[in-house]
Amino acid sequence: MQPSLATPRPQSTTPVSNPRSLVINKHLSALVLGIALATAATCLGAFVPPAGLQLWLKADAITGIPDGGAVSTWVDSTGLGGGRDMSQGTAAYQPLYQAAVVTGPGFVNPVVRFDGANDVMANSALHNAQTVIYVAKSTANEGVPYSRLGTINEYFGFVNGVGGAAAELFLKNPQTYWVDAATVALSGFHVYSGLYSDPANANNGSIYFDGSLMATGTGGSSPLNLADVVGARGNLPGPSYDGFFKGDLAEVLVFSTNLSAADRMAVEDYLNKKYFVPEPATLAILGLGVLVLRRRR
């Protein structure tokens, strides 16, 4: 029986896809996503450190070590050479590389993890240090993330435990000048900045916690050319170490100059955008990439 002309046939609601168009869209989506991610990386990678940088340790610059692997060498990123790479030849004293640690909401970064018992790294570079800035997470209320190898202790870290979720943060130089930040929170990662003679604070010693001035004390220069230590307090003769740091180090910058307020804040801004708070342009670019991915699905 022939169908009646008065009865319309069901119409398909599924559009006919053009295979060639699908291929083009797929490649275009991948291209847009690639541009978005590359542009976001460029925004984060455009930082140029202020003058006077003597040591630059970045966990994300470590290569060739698997997640959880021991770190025998942490390469300095200043390009200055002169024995600045941090090293530890004894396997039992080597910290561990952690490839993906949450440093802030939505931020996953590599870190170097110290056990607080005997992990420590040092170099042979001899240079001055006036400003120390690092990103760290301490899981104990005593320990020194960064120090100098000398006969008189010079360090920037937590040395007097006060219990609970807080610790005293000290900045000390060889002239026995010291600054005590009383107590700072230990939860999560933070940006710690220490200046021995802060131009923004009447040339007094200063400690900044996440960009805010936490403490000030009698200023004093740090004229000695000493080697660097991370993960403990270094002492000569020996060398010997104490005050072992328990926690994660993501990045360390050491300058031979007391940074101006503008330069210090530029460094802290770079670290904030890298580990904690993305700049609006980066968020928009990454959002475009995510949108492209969703549309592809």
Protein backbone atom coordinates (compact mmCIF):
# COMPACT_ATOMS: atom_id res chain seq x y z
CA MET A 1 0.00 0.00 0.00
CA GLN A 2 1.34 3.35 -0.97
CA PRO A 3 1.67 5.87 1.86
CA SER A 4 -0.81 8.73 1.74
CA LEU A 5 0.51 12.01 0.44
CA ALA A 6 -1.46 13.71 3.19
CA THR A 7 0.65 11.99 5.91
CA PRO A 8 4.01 13.71 6.23
CA ARG A 9 7.02 11.50 6.72
CA PRO A 10 8.96 11.97 9.97
CA GLN A 11 11.81 14.40 9.51
CA SER A 12 15.25 13.66 10.94
CA THR A 13 16.40 16.18 13.52
CA THR A 14 20.04 15.01 13.40
CA PRO A 15 22.14 17.25 11.19
CA VAL A 16 24.36 15.60 8.66
CA SER A 17 27.96 16.15 9.68
CA ASN A 18 30.59 17.00 7.18
CA PRO A 19 33.59 14.74 8.01
CA ARG A 20 36.00 17.30 6.61
CA SER A 21 34.46 20.02 8.78
CA LEU A 22 34.82 17.84 11.89
CA VAL A 23 38.53 17.32 11.17
CA ILE A 24 39.06 21.06 10.67
CA ASN A 25 37.21 21.89 13.88
CA LYS A 26 39.22 19.31 15.78
CA HIS A 27 42.52 20.76 14.63
CA LEU A 28 41.31 24.32 15.19
CA SER A 29 40.24 23.47 18.72
CA ALA A 30 43.61 21.92 19.47
CA LEU A 31 45.33 24.98 18.04
CA VAL A 32 43.29 27.40 20.14
CA LEU A 33 43.87 25.32 23.27
CA GLY A 34 47.60 25.18 22.57
CA ILE A 35 47.75 28.95 22.10
CA ALA A 36 45.81 29.46 25.33
CA LEU A 37 48.12 27.26 27.39
CA ALA A 38 51.26 28.67 25.78
CA THR A 39 50.12 32.23 26.36
CA ALA A 40 49.32 31.48 30.00
CA ALA A 41 52.77 29.97 30.47
CA THR A 42 54.31 33.04 28.88
CA CYS A 43 52.46 35.30 31.31
CA LEU A 44 53.97 33.38 34.23
CA GLY A 45 57.39 33.06 32.63
CA ALA A 46 57.91 36.73 31.84
CA PHE A 47 59.37 37.54 35.28
CA VAL A 48 62.83 39.14 35.26
CA PRO A 49 64.42 39.18 38.75
CA PRO A 50 65.80 42.45 40.15
CA ALA A 51 69.55 43.06 40.09
CA GLY A 52 71.69 41.31 42.66
CA LEU A 53 70.24 37.80 42.32
CA GLN A 54 72.80 35.29 43.61
CA LEU A 55 70.82 32.08 44.01
CA TRP A 56 67.59 30.93 42.35
CA LEU A 57 66.25 27.49 43.16
CA LYS A 58 63.06 26.40 41.42
CA ALA A 59 61.51 22.98 41.98
CA ASP A 60 59.85 23.20 38.56
CA ALA A 61 63.30 23.46 36.94
CA ILE A 62 64.28 20.01 38.21
CA THR A 63 64.39 17.43 35.41
CA GLY A 64 65.14 13.74 35.11
CA ILE A 65 63.88 12.78 38.58
CA PRO A 66 60.67 10.73 38.97
CA ASP A 67 57.96 11.67 41.42
CA GLY A 68 59.18 10.68 44.87
CA GLY A 69 62.77 10.34 43.70
CA ALA A 70 65.78 11.54 45.69
CA VAL A 71 67.31 14.90 44.77
CA SER A 72 71.09 14.77 44.72
CA THR A 73 71.48 18.04 42.77
CA TRP A 74 69.22 21.08 42.67
CA VAL A 75 70.44 23.22 39.80
CA ASP A 76 70.69 26.96 40.34
CA SER A 77 68.73 28.98 37.74
CA THR A 78 70.70 32.25 37.88
CA GLY A 79 73.14 31.07 35.20
CA LEU A 80 76.00 32.62 37.20
CA GLY A 81 77.80 29.33 37.84
CA GLY A 82 80.55 29.39 40.44
CA GLY A 83 79.38 26.34 42.36
CA ARG A 84 75.84 27.58 43.01
CA ASP A 85 74.11 24.24 42.36
CA MET A 86 72.92 22.66 45.60
CA SER A 87 74.06 19.09 46.14
CA GLN A 88 73.94 16.19 48.58
CA GLY A 89 76.09 13.14 47.90
CA THR A 90 74.80 10.96 50.75
CA ALA A 91 71.61 9.18 49.72
CA ALA A 92 70.19 9.08 53.25
CA TYR A 93 70.37 12.89 53.47
CA GLN A 94 68.78 13.69 50.12
CA PRO A 95 65.33 15.36 50.04
CA LEU A 96 62.63 14.03 47.73
CA TYR A 97 61.14 15.49 44.56
CA GLN A 98 57.35 15.73 44.61
CA ALA A 99 55.99 16.40 41.13
CA ALA A 100 52.45 17.55 41.91
CA VAL A 101 51.66 19.27 45.20
CA VAL A 102 48.76 21.65 45.75
CA THR A 103 50.30 25.02 46.64
CA GLY A 104 47.10 27.02 46.39
CA PRO A 105 43.47 26.61 45.25
CA GLY A 106 43.71 25.18 41.75
CA PHE A 107 47.51 25.35 41.74
CA VAL A 108 49.64 22.21 41.46
CA ASN A 109 53.42 22.62 41.45
CA PRO A 110 56.56 20.55 42.04
CA VAL A 111 58.34 20.91 45.38
CA VAL A 112 61.41 19.54 47.14
CA ARG A 113 60.41 17.80 50.37
CA PHE A 114 62.69 17.74 53.42
CA ASP A 115 62.16 15.20 56.20
CA GLY A 116 63.17 17.32 59.21
CA ALA A 117 65.59 14.63 60.40
CA ASN A 118 68.74 14.88 58.28
CA ASP A 119 67.86 16.10 54.78
CA VAL A 120 70.10 19.00 53.75
CA MET A 121 71.76 20.43 50.63
CA ALA A 122 74.63 22.90 50.28
CA ASN A 123 76.77 24.52 47.62
CA SER A 124 80.29 25.93 47.41
CA ALA A 125 79.44 29.40 46.11
CA LEU A 126 80.76 32.30 48.16
CA HIS A 127 78.56 35.36 47.90
CA ASN A 128 76.80 37.99 49.98
CA ALA A 129 73.15 37.70 50.94
CA GLN A 130 70.99 40.65 51.98
CA THR A 131 67.51 39.58 50.86
CA VAL A 132 66.08 36.06 51.08
CA ILE A 133 62.66 35.18 49.67
CA TYR A 134 61.20 31.70 49.48
CA VAL A 135 57.94 29.80 49.03
CA ALA A 136 57.59 27.05 51.59
CA LYS A 137 55.23 24.93 53.60
CA SER A 138 56.47 24.00 57.05
CA THR A 139 54.97 20.95 58.72
CA ALA A 140 56.86 21.45 61.99
CA ASN A 141 57.23 24.52 64.18
CA GLU A 142 61.02 24.35 64.19
CA GLY A 143 63.40 24.16 61.25
CA VAL A 144 65.44 26.33 58.90
CA PRO A 145 64.59 26.31 55.17
CA TYR A 146 67.55 28.58 54.26
CA SER A 147 70.84 29.40 55.96
CA ARG A 148 74.46 30.29 55.28
CA LEU A 149 77.43 28.04 55.99
CA GLY A 150 79.61 29.90 58.49
CA THR A 151 81.17 29.96 61.94
CA ILE A 152 78.38 32.25 63.17
CA ASN A 153 74.83 31.25 62.38
CA GLU A 154 73.08 33.20 59.65
CA TYR A 155 69.64 31.92 58.81
CA PHE A 156 66.01 32.64 57.95
CA GLY A 157 63.61 30.12 59.40
CA PHE A 158 61.62 28.74 62.33
CA VAL A 159 63.86 28.14 65.31
CA ASN A 160 61.77 28.33 68.48
CA GLY A 161 58.72 26.15 68.43
CA VAL A 162 55.66 27.59 70.14
CA GLY A 163 53.35 24.65 69.58
CA GLY A 164 50.08 24.29 67.74
CA ALA A 165 49.76 25.59 64.19
CA ALA A 166 52.14 28.52 64.58
CA ALA A 167 55.88 29.09 64.84
CA GLU A 168 58.37 31.86 65.54
CA LEU A 169 60.13 33.06 62.42
CA PHE A 170 63.65 34.42 62.85
CA LEU A 171 66.04 36.31 60.60
CA LYS A 172 69.61 36.40 61.92
CA ASN A 173 72.93 37.57 60.49
CA PRO A 174 76.53 37.00 61.62
CA GLN A 175 76.65 40.29 63.53
CA THR A 176 74.12 38.82 66.00
CA TYR A 177 71.39 41.17 64.80
CA TRP A 178 68.13 39.30 64.63
CA VAL A 179 64.47 39.86 63.91
CA ASP A 180 61.73 37.83 65.58
CA ALA A 181 58.38 37.62 63.80
CA ALA A 182 56.76 36.26 66.96
CA THR A 183 54.30 33.77 65.46
CA VAL A 184 53.23 32.97 61.93
CA ALA A 185 50.72 30.43 60.68
CA LEU A 186 52.06 27.14 59.42
CA SER A 187 49.03 25.99 57.45
CA GLY A 188 49.73 25.73 53.72
CA PHE A 189 52.31 27.45 51.55
CA HIS A 190 53.42 31.03 52.12
CA VAL A 191 55.86 33.59 50.72
CA TYR A 192 58.52 34.47 53.28
CA SER A 193 60.75 37.53 52.73
CA GLY A 194 63.66 38.61 54.93
CA LEU A 195 65.84 41.71 54.52
CA TYR A 196 68.81 42.49 56.75
CA SER A 197 68.67 46.25 56.13
CA ASP A 198 65.30 47.10 54.61
CA PRO A 199 65.29 50.42 52.68
CA ALA A 200 61.52 50.57 53.11
CA ASN A 201 61.82 50.26 56.89
CA ALA A 202 64.47 52.79 57.96
CA ASN A 203 67.17 50.23 57.10
CA ASN A 204 66.06 47.95 59.90
CA GLY A 205 65.86 44.22 59.56
CA SER A 206 62.45 43.13 58.28
CA ILE A 207 60.41 39.97 57.91
CA TYR A 208 57.46 39.91 55.50
CA PHE A 209 54.84 37.16 55.55
CA ASP A 210 52.82 36.90 52.34
CA GLY A 211 53.83 40.47 51.52
CA SER A 212 52.84 41.98 54.88
CA LEU A 213 55.43 43.31 57.32
CA MET A 214 55.40 40.95 60.30
CA ALA A 215 58.37 42.12 62.35
CA THR A 216 61.25 44.54 62.44
CA GLY A 217 64.46 44.71 64.44
CA THR A 218 67.80 46.48 64.65
CA GLY A 219 69.24 46.44 61.15
CA GLY A 220 72.65 45.13 60.27
CA SER A 221 74.52 44.23 57.12
CA SER A 222 75.52 40.73 56.20
CA PRO A 223 78.93 41.33 54.61
CA LEU A 224 80.29 37.79 54.72
CA ASN A 225 80.70 35.80 51.53
CA LEU A 226 79.37 32.41 52.50
CA ALA A 227 77.98 29.28 50.84
CA ASP A 228 74.24 28.49 50.79
CA VAL A 229 72.40 25.77 52.70
CA VAL A 230 68.79 24.64 52.27
CA GLY A 231 66.97 22.36 54.66
CA ALA A 232 68.97 23.10 57.81
CA ARG A 233 71.23 25.53 59.65
CA GLY A 234 74.83 25.20 58.50
CA ASN A 235 77.79 25.48 60.86
CA LEU A 236 81.57 25.57 60.51
CA PRO A 237 83.95 23.93 61.22
CA GLY A 238 82.69 20.63 59.96
CA PRO A 239 80.47 21.32 58.33
CA SER A 240 77.74 20.31 60.73
CA TYR A 241 74.01 20.92 60.58
CA ASP A 242 71.12 21.38 62.96
CA GLY A 243 67.66 22.93 62.87
CA PHE A 244 66.52 20.57 60.12
CA PHE A 245 63.51 21.80 58.16
CA LYS A 246 60.46 19.56 57.79
CA GLY A 247 58.28 20.56 54.87
CA ASP A 248 58.27 21.59 51.22
CA LEU A 249 60.36 24.17 49.39
CA ALA A 250 59.04 25.33 46.04
CA GLU A 251 61.31 28.27 45.21
CA VAL A 252 64.18 30.23 46.79
CA LEU A 253 65.66 33.57 45.67
CA VAL A 254 68.69 35.16 47.37
CA PHE A 255 69.95 38.65 46.56
CA SER A 256 73.21 40.40 47.46
CA THR A 257 71.28 43.67 47.79
CA ASN A 258 68.56 44.86 50.13
CA LEU A 259 65.68 45.08 47.69
CA SER A 260 63.63 48.24 47.44
CA ALA A 261 59.96 47.97 48.31
CA ALA A 262 59.07 47.96 44.61
CA ASP A 263 61.55 45.19 43.79
CA ARG A 264 60.57 43.08 46.78
CA MET A 265 56.89 43.37 45.88
CA ALA A 266 57.67 42.48 42.25
CA VAL A 267 59.29 39.23 43.40
CA GLU A 268 56.42 38.46 45.76
CA ASP A 269 53.90 39.24 43.02
CA TYR A 270 55.65 36.81 40.67
CA LEU A 271 55.56 34.08 43.33
CA ASN A 272 51.92 34.77 44.19
CA LYS A 273 50.86 34.43 40.57
CA LYS A 274 52.88 31.26 40.14
CA TYR A 275 51.78 29.44 43.28
CA PHE A 276 48.61 31.03 44.60
CA VAL A 277 46.65 33.65 42.66
CA PRO A 278 46.58 33.78 38.83
CA GLU A 279 46.46 37.14 37.12
CA PRO A 280 43.14 37.94 35.35
CA ALA A 281 44.62 37.64 31.84
CA THR A 282 45.91 34.16 32.62
CA LEU A 283 42.54 33.11 34.03
CA ALA A 284 40.77 34.34 30.89
CA ILE A 285 43.18 32.51 28.60
CA LEU A 286 42.93 29.26 30.52
CA GLY A 287 39.16 29.65 30.59
CA LEU A 288 39.16 29.89 26.81
CA GLY A 289 41.15 26.69 26.63
CA VAL A 290 38.70 24.87 28.92
CA LEU A 291 35.75 26.17 26.87
CA VAL A 292 37.34 24.86 23.69
CA LEU A 293 37.81 21.45 25.30
CA ARG A 294 34.16 21.30 26.35
CA ARG A 295 32.96 22.31 22.92
CA ARG A 296 35.06 19.53 21.40
CA ARG A 297 33.21 17.03 23.56
